[in-house]
Amino acid sequence: MKAWLLNLAIAVDQLGNVLLAGAPDETLSSRAHRMRAKGHRWWGWTAAAIDALFFFDPNHCARAYESEKQRLQQPRDLRN
């Protein structure tokens, strides 16, 4: 059940990214960190808001970005 809830949370996060014209396989959290690192002011604010929302998960957006880079949301046999 815990894995199912995590997968559902990732899917909702990805949907949020798509609704903001992002890539369908990237989470909004990951995109916010990636764009903040590039110096985009709006995304810096967005990443800060997401990190505050996930106060129980320090550096949520940065960790989401690293997870995306490692494709940890994918089944093991689909990872590079």
PDB file of N, CA and C in Angstrom:
ATOM      1  N   MET A   1       0.818  -1.195   0.000  1.00  0.00           N
ATOM      2  CA  MET A   1       0.000   0.000   0.000  1.00  0.00           C
ATOM      3  C   MET A   1       0.864   1.261   0.000  1.00  0.00           C
ATOM      4  N   LYS A   2       1.979   1.230   0.764  1.00  0.00           N
ATOM      5  CA  LYS A   2       2.863   2.385   0.839  1.00  0.00           C
ATOM      6  C   LYS A   2       3.458   2.707  -0.533  1.00  0.00           C
ATOM      7  N   ALA A   3       3.890   1.681  -1.275  1.00  0.00           N
ATOM      8  CA  ALA A   3       4.449   1.898  -2.616  1.00  0.00           C
ATOM      9  C   ALA A   3       3.387   2.468  -3.549  1.00  0.00           C
ATOM     10  N   TRP A   4       2.158   2.004  -3.423  1.00  0.00           N
ATOM     11  CA  TRP A   4       1.076   2.497  -4.263  1.00  0.00           C
ATOM     12  C   TRP A   4       0.828   3.977  -3.999  1.00  0.00           C
ATOM     13  N   LEU A   5       0.822   4.377  -2.739  1.00  0.00           N
ATOM     14  CA  LEU A   5       0.610   5.785  -2.393  1.00  0.00           C
ATOM     15  C   LEU A   5       1.747   6.662  -2.911  1.00  0.00           C
ATOM     16  N   LEU A   6       2.976   6.172  -2.815  1.00  0.00           N
ATOM     17  CA  LEU A   6       4.115   6.919  -3.346  1.00  0.00           C
ATOM     18  C   LEU A   6       3.988   7.076  -4.856  1.00  0.00           C
ATOM     19  N   ASN A   7       3.616   6.005  -5.547  1.00  0.00           N
ATOM     20  CA  ASN A   7       3.427   6.079  -6.999  1.00  0.00           C
ATOM     21  C   ASN A   7       2.319   7.064  -7.360  1.00  0.00           C
ATOM     22  N   LEU A   8       1.258   7.079  -6.581  1.00  0.00           N
ATOM     23  CA  LEU A   8       0.166   8.017  -6.819  1.00  0.00           C
ATOM     24  C   LEU A   8       0.637   9.457  -6.616  1.00  0.00           C
ATOM     25  N   ALA A   9       1.418   9.697  -5.578  1.00  0.00           N
ATOM     26  CA  ALA A   9       1.946  11.041  -5.327  1.00  0.00           C
ATOM     27  C   ALA A   9       2.851  11.494  -6.472  1.00  0.00           C
ATOM     28  N   ILE A  10       3.679  10.597  -6.985  1.00  0.00           N
ATOM     29  CA  ILE A  10       4.551  10.924  -8.117  1.00  0.00           C
ATOM     30  C   ILE A  10       3.714  11.246  -9.347  1.00  0.00           C
ATOM     31  N   ALA A  11       2.662  10.471  -9.590  1.00  0.00           N
ATOM     32  CA  ALA A  11       1.793  10.710 -10.748  1.00  0.00           C
ATOM     33  C   ALA A  11       1.110  12.074 -10.659  1.00  0.00           C
ATOM     34  N   VAL A  12       0.648  12.443  -9.471  1.00  0.00           N
ATOM     35  CA  VAL A  12       0.011  13.749  -9.283  1.00  0.00           C
ATOM     36  C   VAL A  12       1.039  14.862  -9.502  1.00  0.00           C
ATOM     37  N   ASP A  13       2.249  14.656  -9.002  1.00  0.00           N
ATOM     38  CA  ASP A  13       3.332  15.626  -9.184  1.00  0.00           C
ATOM     39  C   ASP A  13       3.660  15.792 -10.671  1.00  0.00           C
ATOM     40  N   GLN A  14       3.716  14.693 -11.405  1.00  0.00           N
ATOM     41  CA  GLN A  14       3.977  14.756 -12.844  1.00  0.00           C
ATOM     42  C   GLN A  14       2.831  15.451 -13.574  1.00  0.00           C
ATOM     43  N   LEU A  15       1.603  15.201 -13.157  1.00  0.00           N
ATOM     44  CA  LEU A  15       0.453  15.869 -13.764  1.00  0.00           C
ATOM     45  C   LEU A  15       0.549  17.378 -13.565  1.00  0.00           C
ATOM     46  N   GLY A  16       0.929  17.796 -12.378  1.00  0.00           N
ATOM     47  CA  GLY A  16       1.110  19.227 -12.128  1.00  0.00           C
ATOM     48  C   GLY A  16       2.130  19.834 -13.069  1.00  0.00           C
ATOM     49  N   ASN A  17       3.200  19.118 -13.329  1.00  0.00           N
ATOM     50  CA  ASN A  17       4.223  19.601 -14.255  1.00  0.00           C
ATOM     51  C   ASN A  17       3.673  19.705 -15.671  1.00  0.00           C
ATOM     52  N   VAL A  18       2.914  18.708 -16.106  1.00  0.00           N
ATOM     53  CA  VAL A  18       2.332  18.725 -17.457  1.00  0.00           C
ATOM     54  C   VAL A  18       1.350  19.888 -17.602  1.00  0.00           C
ATOM     55  N   LEU A  19       0.564  20.142 -16.568  1.00  0.00           N
ATOM     56  CA  LEU A  19      -0.396  21.245 -16.622  1.00  0.00           C
ATOM     57  C   LEU A  19       0.297  22.604 -16.760  1.00  0.00           C
ATOM     58  N   LEU A  20       1.569  22.667 -16.362  1.00  0.00           N
ATOM     59  CA  LEU A  20       2.362  23.893 -16.517  1.00  0.00           C
ATOM     60  C   LEU A  20       3.310  23.789 -17.713  1.00  0.00           C
ATOM     61  N   ALA A  21       2.919  22.963 -18.694  1.00  0.00           N
ATOM     62  CA  ALA A  21       3.647  22.817 -19.971  1.00  0.00           C
ATOM     63  C   ALA A  21       5.018  22.177 -19.810  1.00  0.00           C
ATOM     64  N   GLY A  22       5.152  21.274 -18.835  1.00  0.00           N
ATOM     65  CA  GLY A  22       6.412  20.573 -18.633  1.00  0.00           C
ATOM     66  C   GLY A  22       6.400  19.189 -19.249  1.00  0.00           C
ATOM     67  N   ALA A  23       7.519  18.507 -19.139  1.00  0.00           N
ATOM     68  CA  ALA A  23       7.659  17.148 -19.665  1.00  0.00           C
ATOM     69  C   ALA A  23       6.814  16.182 -18.840  1.00  0.00           C
ATOM     70  N   PRO A  24       6.159  15.212 -19.484  1.00  0.00           N
ATOM     71  CA  PRO A  24       5.246  14.322 -18.770  1.00  0.00           C
ATOM     72  C   PRO A  24       5.924  13.359 -17.794  1.00  0.00           C
ATOM     73  N   ASP A  25       7.205  13.118 -17.944  1.00  0.00           N
ATOM     74  CA  ASP A  25       7.867  12.160 -17.060  1.00  0.00           C
ATOM     75  C   ASP A  25       8.698  12.840 -15.978  1.00  0.00           C
ATOM     76  N   GLU A  26       8.605  14.164 -15.869  1.00  0.00           N
ATOM     77  CA  GLU A  26       9.349  14.890 -14.838  1.00  0.00           C
ATOM     78  C   GLU A  26       8.363  15.426 -13.815  1.00  0.00           C
ATOM     79  N   THR A  27       8.725  15.358 -12.559  1.00  0.00           N
ATOM     80  CA  THR A  27       7.854  15.911 -11.528  1.00  0.00           C
ATOM     81  C   THR A  27       8.008  17.424 -11.464  1.00  0.00           C
ATOM     82  N   LEU A  28       6.982  18.073 -10.971  1.00  0.00           N
ATOM     83  CA  LEU A  28       7.028  19.519 -10.793  1.00  0.00           C
ATOM     84  C   LEU A  28       8.139  19.890  -9.809  1.00  0.00           C
ATOM     85  N   SER A  29       8.329  19.070  -8.795  1.00  0.00           N
ATOM     86  CA  SER A  29       9.375  19.325  -7.804  1.00  0.00           C
ATOM     87  C   SER A  29      10.754  19.323  -8.453  1.00  0.00           C
ATOM     88  N   SER A  30      11.010  18.337  -9.297  1.00  0.00           N
ATOM     89  CA  SER A  30      12.291  18.250  -9.995  1.00  0.00           C
ATOM     90  C   SER A  30      12.489  19.439 -10.921  1.00  0.00           C
ATOM     91  N   ARG A  31      11.461  19.776 -11.673  1.00  0.00           N
ATOM     92  CA  ARG A  31      11.551  20.903 -12.606  1.00  0.00           C
ATOM     93  C   ARG A  31      11.795  22.206 -11.856  1.00  0.00           C
ATOM     94  N   ALA A  32      11.126  22.381 -10.731  1.00  0.00           N
ATOM     95  CA  ALA A  32      11.313  23.603  -9.947  1.00  0.00           C
ATOM     96  C   ALA A  32      12.768  23.744  -9.512  1.00  0.00           C
ATOM     97  N   HIS A  33      13.367  22.660  -9.054  1.00  0.00           N
ATOM     98  CA  HIS A  33      14.776  22.721  -8.647  1.00  0.00           C
ATOM     99  C   HIS A  33      15.680  22.985  -9.846  1.00  0.00           C
ATOM    100  N   ARG A  34      15.435  22.279 -10.938  1.00  0.00           N
ATOM    101  CA  ARG A  34      16.270  22.420 -12.137  1.00  0.00           C
ATOM    102  C   ARG A  34      16.235  23.851 -12.657  1.00  0.00           C
ATOM    103  N   MET A  35      15.056  24.433 -12.712  1.00  0.00           N
ATOM    104  CA  MET A  35      14.924  25.796 -13.222  1.00  0.00           C
ATOM    105  C   MET A  35      15.442  26.831 -12.213  1.00  0.00           C
ATOM    106  N   ARG A  36      15.289  26.553 -10.916  1.00  0.00           N
ATOM    107  CA  ARG A  36      15.859  27.443  -9.893  1.00  0.00           C
ATOM    108  C   ARG A  36      17.374  27.478 -10.036  1.00  0.00           C
ATOM    109  N   ALA A  37      17.985  26.309 -10.293  1.00  0.00           N
ATOM    110  CA  ALA A  37      19.440  26.240 -10.461  1.00  0.00           C
ATOM    111  C   ALA A  37      19.905  27.038 -11.681  1.00  0.00           C
ATOM    112  N   LYS A  38      19.032  27.197 -12.659  1.00  0.00           N
ATOM    113  CA  LYS A  38      19.356  27.995 -13.853  1.00  0.00           C
ATOM    114  C   LYS A  38      19.110  29.485 -13.629  1.00  0.00           C
ATOM    115  N   GLY A  39      18.589  29.842 -12.460  1.00  0.00           N
ATOM    116  CA  GLY A  39      18.402  31.243 -12.116  1.00  0.00           C
ATOM    117  C   GLY A  39      17.051  31.840 -12.446  1.00  0.00           C
ATOM    118  N   HIS A  40      16.075  31.019 -12.763  1.00  0.00           N
ATOM    119  CA  HIS A  40      14.736  31.528 -13.064  1.00  0.00           C
ATOM    120  C   HIS A  40      14.034  31.912 -11.758  1.00  0.00           C
ATOM    121  N   ARG A  41      13.719  33.182 -11.624  1.00  0.00           N
ATOM    122  CA  ARG A  41      13.176  33.713 -10.370  1.00  0.00           C
ATOM    123  C   ARG A  41      11.852  33.061  -9.975  1.00  0.00           C
ATOM    124  N   TRP A  42      10.916  32.935 -10.937  1.00  0.00           N
ATOM    125  CA  TRP A  42       9.620  32.346 -10.622  1.00  0.00           C
ATOM    126  C   TRP A  42       9.782  30.923 -10.110  1.00  0.00           C
ATOM    127  N   TRP A  43      10.674  30.161 -10.734  1.00  0.00           N
ATOM    128  CA  TRP A  43      10.887  28.781 -10.300  1.00  0.00           C
ATOM    129  C   TRP A  43      11.590  28.719  -8.952  1.00  0.00           C
ATOM    130  N   GLY A  44      12.407  29.723  -8.657  1.00  0.00           N
ATOM    131  CA  GLY A  44      13.021  29.787  -7.329  1.00  0.00           C
ATOM    132  C   GLY A  44      11.959  29.924  -6.253  1.00  0.00           C
ATOM    133  N   TRP A  45      10.977  30.790  -6.517  1.00  0.00           N
ATOM    134  CA  TRP A  45       9.871  30.958  -5.581  1.00  0.00           C
ATOM    135  C   TRP A  45       9.053  29.677  -5.489  1.00  0.00           C
ATOM    136  N   THR A  46       8.799  29.053  -6.635  1.00  0.00           N
ATOM    137  CA  THR A  46       8.009  27.821  -6.671  1.00  0.00           C
ATOM    138  C   THR A  46       8.703  26.708  -5.890  1.00  0.00           C
ATOM    139  N   ALA A  47      10.009  26.554  -6.108  1.00  0.00           N
ATOM    140  CA  ALA A  47      10.763  25.521  -5.385  1.00  0.00           C
ATOM    141  C   ALA A  47      10.729  25.782  -3.884  1.00  0.00           C
ATOM    142  N   ALA A  48      10.862  27.043  -3.486  1.00  0.00           N
ATOM    143  CA  ALA A  48      10.807  27.380  -2.060  1.00  0.00           C
ATOM    144  C   ALA A  48       9.436  27.038  -1.473  1.00  0.00           C
ATOM    145  N   ALA A  49       8.376  27.302  -2.229  1.00  0.00           N
ATOM    146  CA  ALA A  49       7.021  26.991  -1.763  1.00  0.00           C
ATOM    147  C   ALA A  49       6.816  25.480  -1.642  1.00  0.00           C
ATOM    148  N   ILE A  50       7.308  24.731  -2.628  1.00  0.00           N
ATOM    149  CA  ILE A  50       7.176  23.269  -2.582  1.00  0.00           C
ATOM    150  C   ILE A  50       7.977  22.713  -1.413  1.00  0.00           C
ATOM    151  N   ASP A  51       9.217  23.205  -1.233  1.00  0.00           N
ATOM    152  CA  ASP A  51      10.037  22.747  -0.109  1.00  0.00           C
ATOM    153  C   ASP A  51       9.357  23.049   1.222  1.00  0.00           C
ATOM    154  N   ALA A  52       8.692  24.200   1.332  1.00  0.00           N
ATOM    155  CA  ALA A  52       7.975  24.545   2.567  1.00  0.00           C
ATOM    156  C   ALA A  52       6.780  23.619   2.776  1.00  0.00           C
ATOM    157  N   LEU A  53       6.098  23.284   1.689  1.00  0.00           N
ATOM    158  CA  LEU A  53       4.956  22.372   1.770  1.00  0.00           C
ATOM    159  C   LEU A  53       5.396  20.995   2.269  1.00  0.00           C
ATOM    160  N   PHE A  54       6.561  20.555   1.807  1.00  0.00           N
ATOM    161  CA  PHE A  54       7.118  19.267   2.220  1.00  0.00           C
ATOM    162  C   PHE A  54       8.163  19.487   3.316  1.00  0.00           C
ATOM    163  N   PHE A  55       7.789  20.223   4.358  1.00  0.00           N
ATOM    164  CA  PHE A  55       8.708  20.574   5.447  1.00  0.00           C
ATOM    165  C   PHE A  55       9.317  19.347   6.118  1.00  0.00           C
ATOM    166  N   PHE A  56       8.636  18.224   6.057  1.00  0.00           N
ATOM    167  CA  PHE A  56       9.107  16.982   6.673  1.00  0.00           C
ATOM    168  C   PHE A  56      10.136  16.266   5.802  1.00  0.00           C
ATOM    169  N   ASP A  57      10.388  16.774   4.591  1.00  0.00           N
ATOM    170  CA  ASP A  57      11.355  16.192   3.650  1.00  0.00           C
ATOM    171  C   ASP A  57      12.337  17.293   3.249  1.00  0.00           C
ATOM    172  N   PRO A  58      13.391  17.500   4.062  1.00  0.00           N
ATOM    173  CA  PRO A  58      14.327  18.594   3.779  1.00  0.00           C
ATOM    174  C   PRO A  58      14.874  18.541   2.346  1.00  0.00           C
ATOM    175  N   ASN A  59      14.958  19.703   1.709  1.00  0.00           N
ATOM    176  CA  ASN A  59      15.465  19.816   0.334  1.00  0.00           C
ATOM    177  C   ASN A  59      14.686  18.930  -0.630  1.00  0.00           C
ATOM    178  N   HIS A  60      13.376  18.932  -0.502  1.00  0.00           N
ATOM    179  CA  HIS A  60      12.524  18.057  -1.305  1.00  0.00           C
ATOM    180  C   HIS A  60      12.787  18.208  -2.802  1.00  0.00           C
ATOM    181  N   CYS A  61      12.828  19.435  -3.297  1.00  0.00           N
ATOM    182  CA  CYS A  61      12.983  19.647  -4.742  1.00  0.00           C
ATOM    183  C   CYS A  61      14.341  19.162  -5.238  1.00  0.00           C
ATOM    184  N   ALA A  62      15.396  19.437  -4.508  1.00  0.00           N
ATOM    185  CA  ALA A  62      16.732  18.971  -4.907  1.00  0.00           C
ATOM    186  C   ALA A  62      16.784  17.447  -4.897  1.00  0.00           C
ATOM    187  N   ARG A  63      16.175  16.839  -3.888  1.00  0.00           N
ATOM    188  CA  ARG A  63      16.166  15.372  -3.822  1.00  0.00           C
ATOM    189  C   ARG A  63      15.325  14.783  -4.946  1.00  0.00           C
ATOM    190  N   ALA A  64      14.225  15.447  -5.297  1.00  0.00           N
ATOM    191  CA  ALA A  64      13.394  14.984  -6.416  1.00  0.00           C
ATOM    192  C   ALA A  64      14.173  15.052  -7.723  1.00  0.00           C
ATOM    193  N   TYR A  65      14.940  16.118  -7.902  1.00  0.00           N
ATOM    194  CA  TYR A  65      15.758  16.271  -9.110  1.00  0.00           C
ATOM    195  C   TYR A  65      16.797  15.149  -9.205  1.00  0.00           C
ATOM    196  N   GLU A  66      17.483  14.876  -8.109  1.00  0.00           N
ATOM    197  CA  GLU A  66      18.484  13.794  -8.109  1.00  0.00           C
ATOM    198  C   GLU A  66      17.822  12.445  -8.371  1.00  0.00           C
ATOM    199  N   SER A  67      16.644  12.237  -7.818  1.00  0.00           N
ATOM    200  CA  SER A  67      15.901  10.998  -8.060  1.00  0.00           C
ATOM    201  C   SER A  67      15.545  10.859  -9.535  1.00  0.00           C
ATOM    202  N   GLU A  68      15.131  11.971 -10.151  1.00  0.00           N
ATOM    203  CA  GLU A  68      14.808  11.954 -11.588  1.00  0.00           C
ATOM    204  C   GLU A  68      16.044  11.612 -12.414  1.00  0.00           C
ATOM    205  N   LYS A  69      17.174  12.220 -12.066  1.00  0.00           N
ATOM    206  CA  LYS A  69      18.408  11.955 -12.819  1.00  0.00           C
ATOM    207  C   LYS A  69      18.794  10.478 -12.763  1.00  0.00           C
ATOM    208  N   GLN A  70      18.533   9.848 -11.626  1.00  0.00           N
ATOM    209  CA  GLN A  70      18.867   8.431 -11.453  1.00  0.00           C
ATOM    210  C   GLN A  70      17.724   7.517 -11.873  1.00  0.00           C
ATOM    211  N   ARG A  71      16.607   8.109 -12.297  1.00  0.00           N
ATOM    212  CA  ARG A  71      15.416   7.390 -12.748  1.00  0.00           C
ATOM    213  C   ARG A  71      14.879   6.444 -11.662  1.00  0.00           C
ATOM    214  N   LEU A  72      14.940   6.876 -10.416  1.00  0.00           N
ATOM    215  CA  LEU A  72      14.520   6.026  -9.300  1.00  0.00           C
ATOM    216  C   LEU A  72      13.018   5.773  -9.272  1.00  0.00           C
ATOM    217  N   GLN A  73      12.235   6.584  -9.985  1.00  0.00           N
ATOM    218  CA  GLN A  73      10.791   6.363 -10.025  1.00  0.00           C
ATOM    219  C   GLN A  73      10.426   5.245 -10.992  1.00  0.00           C
ATOM    220  N   GLN A  74      11.393   4.791 -11.784  1.00  0.00           N
ATOM    221  CA  GLN A  74      11.167   3.736 -12.770  1.00  0.00           C
ATOM    222  C   GLN A  74      11.432   2.354 -12.164  1.00  0.00           C
ATOM    223  N   PRO A  75      10.788   1.313 -12.684  1.00  0.00           N
ATOM    224  CA  PRO A  75      11.141  -0.046 -12.259  1.00  0.00           C
ATOM    225  C   PRO A  75      12.619  -0.315 -12.569  1.00  0.00           C
ATOM    226  N   ARG A  76      13.247  -1.150 -11.792  1.00  0.00           N
ATOM    227  CA  ARG A  76      14.689  -1.412 -11.949  1.00  0.00           C
ATOM    228  C   ARG A  76      15.087  -1.780 -13.373  1.00  0.00           C
ATOM    229  N   ASP A  77      14.289  -2.592 -14.057  1.00  0.00           N
ATOM    230  CA  ASP A  77      14.675  -3.037 -15.397  1.00  0.00           C
ATOM    231  C   ASP A  77      14.541  -1.938 -16.454  1.00  0.00           C
ATOM    232  N   LEU A  78      13.952  -0.793 -16.116  1.00  0.00           N
ATOM    233  CA  LEU A  78      13.848   0.323 -17.060  1.00  0.00           C
ATOM    234  C   LEU A  78      14.874   1.423 -16.800  1.00  0.00           C
ATOM    235  N   ARG A  79      15.636   1.297 -15.735  1.00  0.00           N
ATOM    236  CA  ARG A  79      16.654   2.308 -15.418  1.00  0.00           C
ATOM    237  C   ARG A  79      17.881   2.094 -16.284  1.00  0.00           C
ATOM    238  N   ASN A  80      18.572   3.193 -16.564  1.00  0.00           N
ATOM    239  CA  ASN A  80      19.811   3.102 -17.364  1.00  0.00           C
ATOM    240  C   ASN A  80      20.958   2.588 -16.543  1.00  0.00           C
TER     241      ASN A  80
END
